[in-house]
Structure formats: C-alpha cells, structure tokens
Amino acid sequence: MTVNIGNVDRSIRVIVGLVLLALVFIGPQTLWGLVGLIPIATALMGNCPAYSLIGIKTCKSGNNR
C-alpha cells in the first residue's frame, strides 16, 4: 500500500479525529463522534482510499512504503 498522506495532513486528521471522538464523551454525547475513527485510522495507515480514487497525494514523492 503506497503512502499518499503527508505529515501535515496526518496531523490534521489526528486532531480532527480526536475532536470528533470527544463528541462521544463531551458535548452532545452521540455515537456520531465515532466517525472520528476514520481520519485517525487513515492517518495511522498513511493511505486515504478517497485520495487514491481521486488521485491526490499530499506526501513527498520519495515517501513510499
């Protein structure tokens, strides 16, 4: 699996994911906050399936696994 997410993109995904997960415990306390697992998972994998379909790559060209 090739890496198509850069470091800045990964950081943003982790922050957004954590904020969404916080909605499960703080705020409206709905299970919709579990959607935050998706950006966290893609950040950890380094690959976004949606980016692959569209052809977007936010990492440097030499950053492949």
N, C-alpha and C. Protein backbone atom coordinates (compact mmCIF):
# COMPACT_ATOMS: atom_id res chain seq x y z
N MET A 1 0.84 -1.17 0.00
CA MET A 1 0.00 0.00 0.00
C MET A 1 0.90 1.24 0.00
N THR A 2 0.70 2.13 -0.92
CA THR A 2 1.53 3.32 -1.01
C THR A 2 1.02 4.40 -0.08
N VAL A 3 1.92 5.22 0.37
CA VAL A 3 1.59 6.34 1.25
C VAL A 3 1.14 7.50 0.38
N ASN A 4 -0.03 8.06 0.67
CA ASN A 4 -0.49 9.22 -0.08
C ASN A 4 -0.91 10.37 0.83
N ILE A 5 -0.53 10.29 2.11
CA ILE A 5 -0.85 11.34 3.07
C ILE A 5 0.44 11.87 3.66
N GLY A 6 0.64 13.19 3.57
CA GLY A 6 1.83 13.82 4.13
C GLY A 6 1.72 14.05 5.62
N ASN A 7 2.80 14.54 6.22
CA ASN A 7 2.85 14.72 7.67
C ASN A 7 1.85 15.76 8.17
N VAL A 8 1.71 16.86 7.45
CA VAL A 8 0.76 17.90 7.87
C VAL A 8 -0.66 17.35 7.78
N ASP A 9 -0.96 16.65 6.70
CA ASP A 9 -2.28 16.05 6.51
C ASP A 9 -2.56 15.04 7.62
N ARG A 10 -1.57 14.24 7.99
CA ARG A 10 -1.73 13.27 9.07
C ARG A 10 -2.05 13.96 10.39
N SER A 11 -1.31 15.02 10.69
CA SER A 11 -1.53 15.75 11.93
C SER A 11 -2.94 16.33 12.00
N ILE A 12 -3.39 16.90 10.90
CA ILE A 12 -4.73 17.47 10.85
C ILE A 12 -5.77 16.38 11.04
N ARG A 13 -5.57 15.23 10.41
CA ARG A 13 -6.52 14.12 10.54
C ARG A 13 -6.59 13.61 11.98
N VAL A 14 -5.46 13.53 12.65
CA VAL A 14 -5.46 13.06 14.05
C VAL A 14 -6.21 14.06 14.93
N ILE A 15 -5.95 15.35 14.74
CA ILE A 15 -6.62 16.37 15.55
C ILE A 15 -8.13 16.36 15.31
N VAL A 16 -8.54 16.31 14.04
CA VAL A 16 -9.96 16.29 13.71
C VAL A 16 -10.61 15.01 14.27
N GLY A 17 -9.92 13.90 14.15
CA GLY A 17 -10.44 12.64 14.65
C GLY A 17 -10.63 12.66 16.16
N LEU A 18 -9.66 13.23 16.87
CA LEU A 18 -9.78 13.31 18.33
C LEU A 18 -10.91 14.24 18.75
N VAL A 19 -11.08 15.33 18.02
CA VAL A 19 -12.18 16.25 18.33
C VAL A 19 -13.52 15.54 18.12
N LEU A 20 -13.64 14.81 17.02
CA LEU A 20 -14.89 14.09 16.76
C LEU A 20 -15.13 13.00 17.81
N LEU A 21 -14.08 12.30 18.20
CA LEU A 21 -14.22 11.29 19.24
C LEU A 21 -14.62 11.91 20.58
N ALA A 22 -14.18 13.11 20.84
CA ALA A 22 -14.55 13.79 22.08
C ALA A 22 -16.05 14.02 22.15
N LEU A 23 -16.72 14.11 21.00
CA LEU A 23 -18.17 14.30 20.98
C LEU A 23 -18.91 13.12 21.59
N VAL A 24 -18.27 11.97 21.62
CA VAL A 24 -18.90 10.79 22.23
C VAL A 24 -18.99 10.98 23.75
N PHE A 25 -18.00 11.65 24.34
CA PHE A 25 -17.92 11.79 25.79
C PHE A 25 -18.33 13.17 26.29
N ILE A 26 -18.06 14.20 25.49
CA ILE A 26 -18.33 15.58 25.88
C ILE A 26 -19.26 16.19 24.82
N GLY A 27 -20.06 17.11 25.22
CA GLY A 27 -20.95 17.77 24.25
C GLY A 27 -22.23 17.00 24.07
N PRO A 28 -22.67 16.80 22.84
CA PRO A 28 -23.96 16.15 22.61
C PRO A 28 -23.98 14.67 22.99
N GLN A 29 -22.84 14.06 23.19
CA GLN A 29 -22.71 12.65 23.59
C GLN A 29 -23.50 11.71 22.67
N THR A 30 -23.24 11.85 21.39
CA THR A 30 -23.87 10.95 20.42
C THR A 30 -22.82 10.02 19.83
N LEU A 31 -23.28 8.93 19.28
CA LEU A 31 -22.35 7.98 18.67
C LEU A 31 -21.81 8.45 17.33
N TRP A 32 -22.32 9.57 16.82
CA TRP A 32 -21.78 10.12 15.58
C TRP A 32 -20.32 10.51 15.73
N GLY A 33 -19.88 10.70 16.94
CA GLY A 33 -18.47 11.03 17.18
C GLY A 33 -17.54 9.90 16.80
N LEU A 34 -18.07 8.68 16.70
CA LEU A 34 -17.23 7.55 16.29
C LEU A 34 -16.74 7.68 14.86
N VAL A 35 -17.31 8.59 14.11
CA VAL A 35 -16.82 8.88 12.75
C VAL A 35 -15.37 9.35 12.84
N GLY A 36 -14.97 9.86 13.99
CA GLY A 36 -13.60 10.31 14.19
C GLY A 36 -12.58 9.19 14.07
N LEU A 37 -13.01 7.94 14.14
CA LEU A 37 -12.08 6.82 13.98
C LEU A 37 -11.56 6.74 12.54
N ILE A 38 -12.33 7.22 11.59
CA ILE A 38 -11.92 7.14 10.19
C ILE A 38 -10.70 8.00 9.91
N PRO A 39 -10.70 9.31 10.26
CA PRO A 39 -9.48 10.08 9.99
C PRO A 39 -8.28 9.60 10.80
N ILE A 40 -8.52 9.09 12.01
CA ILE A 40 -7.40 8.57 12.81
C ILE A 40 -6.82 7.32 12.14
N ALA A 41 -7.68 6.44 11.66
CA ALA A 41 -7.20 5.22 11.01
C ALA A 41 -6.43 5.53 9.73
N THR A 42 -6.94 6.45 8.93
CA THR A 42 -6.23 6.78 7.69
C THR A 42 -4.90 7.46 7.99
N ALA A 43 -4.85 8.25 9.06
CA ALA A 43 -3.59 8.88 9.44
C ALA A 43 -2.57 7.84 9.88
N LEU A 44 -3.02 6.84 10.64
CA LEU A 44 -2.10 5.80 11.09
C LEU A 44 -1.62 4.92 9.94
N MET A 45 -2.51 4.64 8.98
CA MET A 45 -2.12 3.82 7.83
C MET A 45 -1.28 4.61 6.83
N GLY A 46 -1.49 5.92 6.78
CA GLY A 46 -0.77 6.74 5.81
C GLY A 46 -1.36 6.69 4.42
N ASN A 47 -2.53 6.07 4.30
CA ASN A 47 -3.16 5.94 3.00
C ASN A 47 -4.64 6.26 3.14
N CYS A 48 -5.11 7.14 2.26
CA CYS A 48 -6.52 7.51 2.23
C CYS A 48 -7.14 6.93 0.95
N PRO A 49 -8.10 6.00 1.08
CA PRO A 49 -8.71 5.42 -0.11
C PRO A 49 -9.38 6.47 -1.01
N ALA A 50 -9.97 7.49 -0.42
CA ALA A 50 -10.60 8.54 -1.23
C ALA A 50 -9.54 9.30 -2.04
N TYR A 51 -8.39 9.57 -1.44
CA TYR A 51 -7.31 10.22 -2.17
C TYR A 51 -6.85 9.35 -3.34
N SER A 52 -6.80 8.04 -3.13
CA SER A 52 -6.38 7.13 -4.20
C SER A 52 -7.35 7.18 -5.38
N LEU A 53 -8.64 7.21 -5.08
CA LEU A 53 -9.64 7.28 -6.15
C LEU A 53 -9.56 8.57 -6.93
N ILE A 54 -9.34 9.67 -6.23
CA ILE A 54 -9.30 10.99 -6.88
C ILE A 54 -7.94 11.27 -7.50
N GLY A 55 -6.89 10.64 -6.97
CA GLY A 55 -5.55 10.85 -7.49
C GLY A 55 -4.78 11.94 -6.74
N ILE A 56 -5.16 12.21 -5.51
CA ILE A 56 -4.49 13.23 -4.71
C ILE A 56 -3.38 12.56 -3.91
N LYS A 57 -2.26 13.28 -3.77
CA LYS A 57 -1.14 12.79 -2.98
C LYS A 57 -0.52 13.98 -2.26
N THR A 58 -0.59 14.00 -0.92
CA THR A 58 -0.08 15.14 -0.17
C THR A 58 1.29 14.89 0.44
N CYS A 59 1.88 13.73 0.16
CA CYS A 59 3.22 13.46 0.71
C CYS A 59 4.27 13.70 -0.37
N LYS A 60 5.50 13.73 0.08
CA LYS A 60 6.60 13.89 -0.86
C LYS A 60 6.74 12.63 -1.70
N SER A 61 7.29 12.74 -2.87
CA SER A 61 7.33 11.61 -3.81
C SER A 61 8.19 10.45 -3.32
N GLY A 62 9.18 10.67 -2.48
CA GLY A 62 10.05 9.60 -2.02
C GLY A 62 9.55 8.91 -0.76
N ASN A 63 8.35 9.21 -0.35
CA ASN A 63 7.82 8.68 0.91
C ASN A 63 6.87 7.51 0.68
N ASN A 64 7.35 6.44 0.06
CA ASN A 64 6.52 5.25 -0.19
C ASN A 64 6.98 4.12 0.70
N ARG A 65 6.04 3.25 1.09
CA ARG A 65 6.39 2.07 1.91
C ARG A 65 6.65 0.90 1.04
